[in-house]
Protein backbone atom coordinates (compact mmCIF):
# COMPACT_ATOMS: atom_id res chain seq x y z
CA MET A 1 -63.54 8.93 30.33
CA THR A 2 -63.84 6.81 34.07
CA ASP A 3 -63.41 9.26 37.43
CA PRO A 4 -59.86 7.65 38.13
CA GLU A 5 -60.99 7.57 42.04
CA HIS A 6 -63.57 4.66 40.99
CA ASP A 7 -61.54 3.26 37.81
CA PRO A 8 -59.66 -0.32 38.79
CA ARG A 9 -56.23 0.56 36.19
CA TRP A 10 -55.71 3.57 39.12
CA ALA A 11 -54.81 0.98 41.45
CA ALA A 12 -51.94 -0.15 39.46
CA VAL A 13 -51.12 3.82 39.74
CA ARG A 14 -51.69 4.44 42.65
CA ALA A 15 -49.57 1.26 43.89
CA ALA A 16 -46.72 2.30 41.35
CA GLY A 17 -46.96 5.77 43.48
CA ARG A 18 -46.21 4.65 46.29
CA ARG A 19 -42.71 2.98 45.14
CA ARG A 20 -40.17 4.68 45.90
CA VAL A 21 -38.59 5.92 42.53
CA PRO A 22 -34.60 6.75 42.41
CA THR A 23 -33.45 9.88 41.42
CA PRO A 24 -31.42 8.56 38.47
CA PRO A 25 -27.73 9.26 39.23
CA GLY A 26 -26.20 12.70 38.99
CA LEU A 27 -29.81 14.43 38.19
CA VAL A 28 -30.32 16.15 40.64
CA GLU A 29 -26.18 17.53 40.05
CA ARG A 30 -27.15 17.66 36.04
CA VAL A 31 -29.75 20.13 36.43
CA LEU A 32 -28.08 22.17 39.02
CA SER A 33 -24.80 22.76 36.55
CA SER A 34 -27.50 23.66 33.57
CA ILE A 35 -28.77 26.31 35.91
CA GLU A 36 -25.24 27.52 37.31
CA ASN A 37 -23.57 27.09 33.31
CA ALA A 38 -26.82 28.77 32.41
CA ARG A 39 -25.19 32.05 33.78
CA SER A 40 -21.99 31.41 31.84
CA ALA A 41 -20.45 34.30 29.59
CA GLU A 42 -20.05 30.33 27.36
CA PRO A 43 -22.51 30.33 24.40
CA LEU A 44 -23.66 27.72 23.23
CA ARG A 45 -23.28 26.80 19.99
CA LEU A 46 -25.16 25.45 17.24
CA PRO A 47 -25.18 23.88 13.87
CA PHE A 48 -27.01 24.76 10.48
CA ASP A 49 -25.06 24.71 7.13
CA GLY A 50 -22.13 26.43 6.17
CA GLY A 51 -21.70 27.39 9.89
CA SER A 52 -23.25 27.89 13.45
CA LEU A 53 -25.30 30.44 15.63
CA SER A 54 -24.32 31.17 18.89
CA LEU A 55 -26.49 32.55 21.52
CA SER A 56 -26.57 32.43 25.46
CA GLU A 57 -28.13 29.01 27.31
CA SER A 58 -30.30 31.37 28.92
CA ALA A 59 -31.83 33.01 25.58
CA PHE A 60 -32.01 29.08 24.67
CA LEU A 61 -33.38 27.81 27.44
CA LEU A 62 -36.32 30.47 27.22
CA LEU A 63 -36.53 29.56 23.97
CA ALA A 64 -37.12 25.70 24.70
CA ARG A 65 -39.62 26.59 27.56
CA THR A 66 -41.89 28.56 25.12
CA VAL A 67 -41.60 26.15 22.86
CA ALA A 68 -42.19 23.13 24.94
CA ASP A 69 -45.48 24.76 27.23
CA ALA A 70 -46.74 25.62 23.68
CA GLU A 71 -46.11 22.06 21.66
CA ALA A 72 -47.90 20.65 24.93
CA ALA A 73 -50.32 22.96 24.98
CA ALA A 74 -51.37 21.06 21.48
CA MET A 75 -51.56 18.04 23.29
CA PRO A 76 -54.23 17.21 25.23
CA GLY A 77 -53.18 15.56 28.56
CA LEU A 78 -50.03 17.01 28.73
CA TRP A 79 -47.89 19.67 30.73
CA VAL A 80 -44.28 20.91 30.92
CA SER A 81 -42.77 20.85 34.01
CA ALA A 82 -39.15 22.24 32.88
CA VAL A 83 -36.67 22.28 30.83
CA ALA A 84 -32.78 22.41 31.52
CA LEU A 85 -29.70 21.73 29.34
CA ALA A 86 -27.22 19.00 30.83
CA GLU A 87 -24.94 17.72 29.11
CA GLY A 88 -25.44 19.25 25.83
CA ARG A 89 -28.76 17.79 25.82
CA LEU A 90 -32.45 19.57 26.00
CA GLN A 91 -34.03 17.73 29.29
CA VAL A 92 -37.62 18.28 29.31
CA LEU A 93 -40.29 17.09 31.84
CA ALA A 94 -43.23 16.58 31.64
CA THR A 95 -47.10 15.65 33.58
CA VAL A 96 -49.74 12.90 31.88
CA ARG A 97 -53.57 13.58 32.40
CA TYR A 98 -54.20 9.89 33.71
CA GLY A 99 -55.31 7.89 30.04
CA VAL A 100 -52.39 9.22 28.35
CA ALA A 101 -50.32 6.60 26.90
CA ALA A 102 -46.49 8.33 27.83
CA THR A 103 -44.62 6.98 26.33
CA GLU A 104 -46.09 7.71 22.11
CA ALA A 105 -47.04 11.27 24.25
CA ALA A 106 -43.41 12.01 25.27
CA ASP A 107 -42.14 10.73 21.59
CA ALA A 108 -44.16 13.23 20.05
CA LEU A 109 -43.12 16.38 22.00
CA ARG A 110 -39.17 15.41 21.73
CA GLU A 111 -40.34 15.16 17.83
CA ARG A 112 -42.29 18.65 18.50
CA ILE A 113 -40.15 20.04 20.49
CA THR A 114 -37.17 20.16 17.65
CA ALA A 115 -39.15 20.26 15.21
CA GLU A 116 -40.67 24.00 16.10
CA LEU A 117 -36.86 25.11 17.63
CA ASP A 118 -35.13 23.50 14.13
CA ARG A 119 -38.25 26.15 12.30
CA GLN A 120 -37.33 29.13 14.67
CA LEU A 121 -33.29 28.64 15.28
CA GLY A 122 -31.96 28.06 10.89
CA ALA A 123 -29.97 24.97 13.10
CA ARG A 124 -29.94 21.64 14.39
CA PRO A 125 -30.99 22.29 18.40
CA PRO A 126 -29.76 19.90 20.99
CA VAL A 127 -31.66 16.40 21.06
CA ALA A 128 -34.04 16.92 23.07
CA ASP A 129 -34.75 14.06 26.05
CA VAL A 130 -38.09 13.87 27.38
CA HIS A 131 -39.53 12.23 30.44
CA VAL A 132 -43.09 11.61 32.14
CA VAL A 133 -42.01 12.32 35.72
CA ASP A 134 -45.66 12.23 36.74
CA VAL A 135 -49.59 11.35 36.14
CA HIS A 136 -52.19 13.88 37.00
CA PRO A 137 -55.65 11.92 38.07
CA GLY A 138 -57.72 14.43 35.95
């Protein structure tokens, strides 16, 4: 792979990096709310055949982060920077290495996280949204 600093295609990434990308409406509030809710005593209930599994949001988020990190580590050029539970959905923020197809990597990571959480919990986990929020040069 060409050094990104000398690759002519990197100019498009630099141009995109100079553009201000607005924070999606309510994202900061949802993440902060998720952190506050993780401290609450209200358990998270996950459905499975014949019932539901109850666990604390903080326990779920710890497991989700561990799973997300492990699954991303198995995918070259992909890193997880944060996980949160917002509006009942697992939000995963990720960084890709320059040259990695971001959409395909995000889709694959989402599928892997969902499958592994389902396997470990024995219950259907919240829907996972993977957002590629950064590109690393190398």
